[in-house]
Amino acid sequence: MNRATIEIILGIAVIVIFVIGTLLLIPSGAEGEEGWGGADGGAADMIDESGYEPWFNPIWEPPSGEIESLFFCVQAAIGAVIVGYFFGYWRGAKGRKDDE
């Protein structure tokens, strides 16, 4: 085995040890709860506990959580297309400059 192969194997071993160690250190939630509930759920709970009442209601609410997720995904896809278009445009412009 050459030195590069040994370094790759050692790097993979370090990553595996780090991942397994991290998984063992993550605290699990109480029974029936996820260990990593996320900040959104925690923030919503804190807002509910404070007695806050919204000062307006939305004009339209999606009929289900799945539809809401669909709209979020469509927004993300449109944003990714726009960003990808400009990166492709700039790369193409740079390629044309290099050809000249």
Foldseek 3Di string as FASTA:
>chain_A
DDPVVVVVVVVVVVVVVVVVVVVVPQDADDPPDGSDNDDVVVVVVVCVVVVDDDPDDDPDDPPDPVVVVVVVVVVVVVVVVVVVVVVVVVVVVVVVVVVD
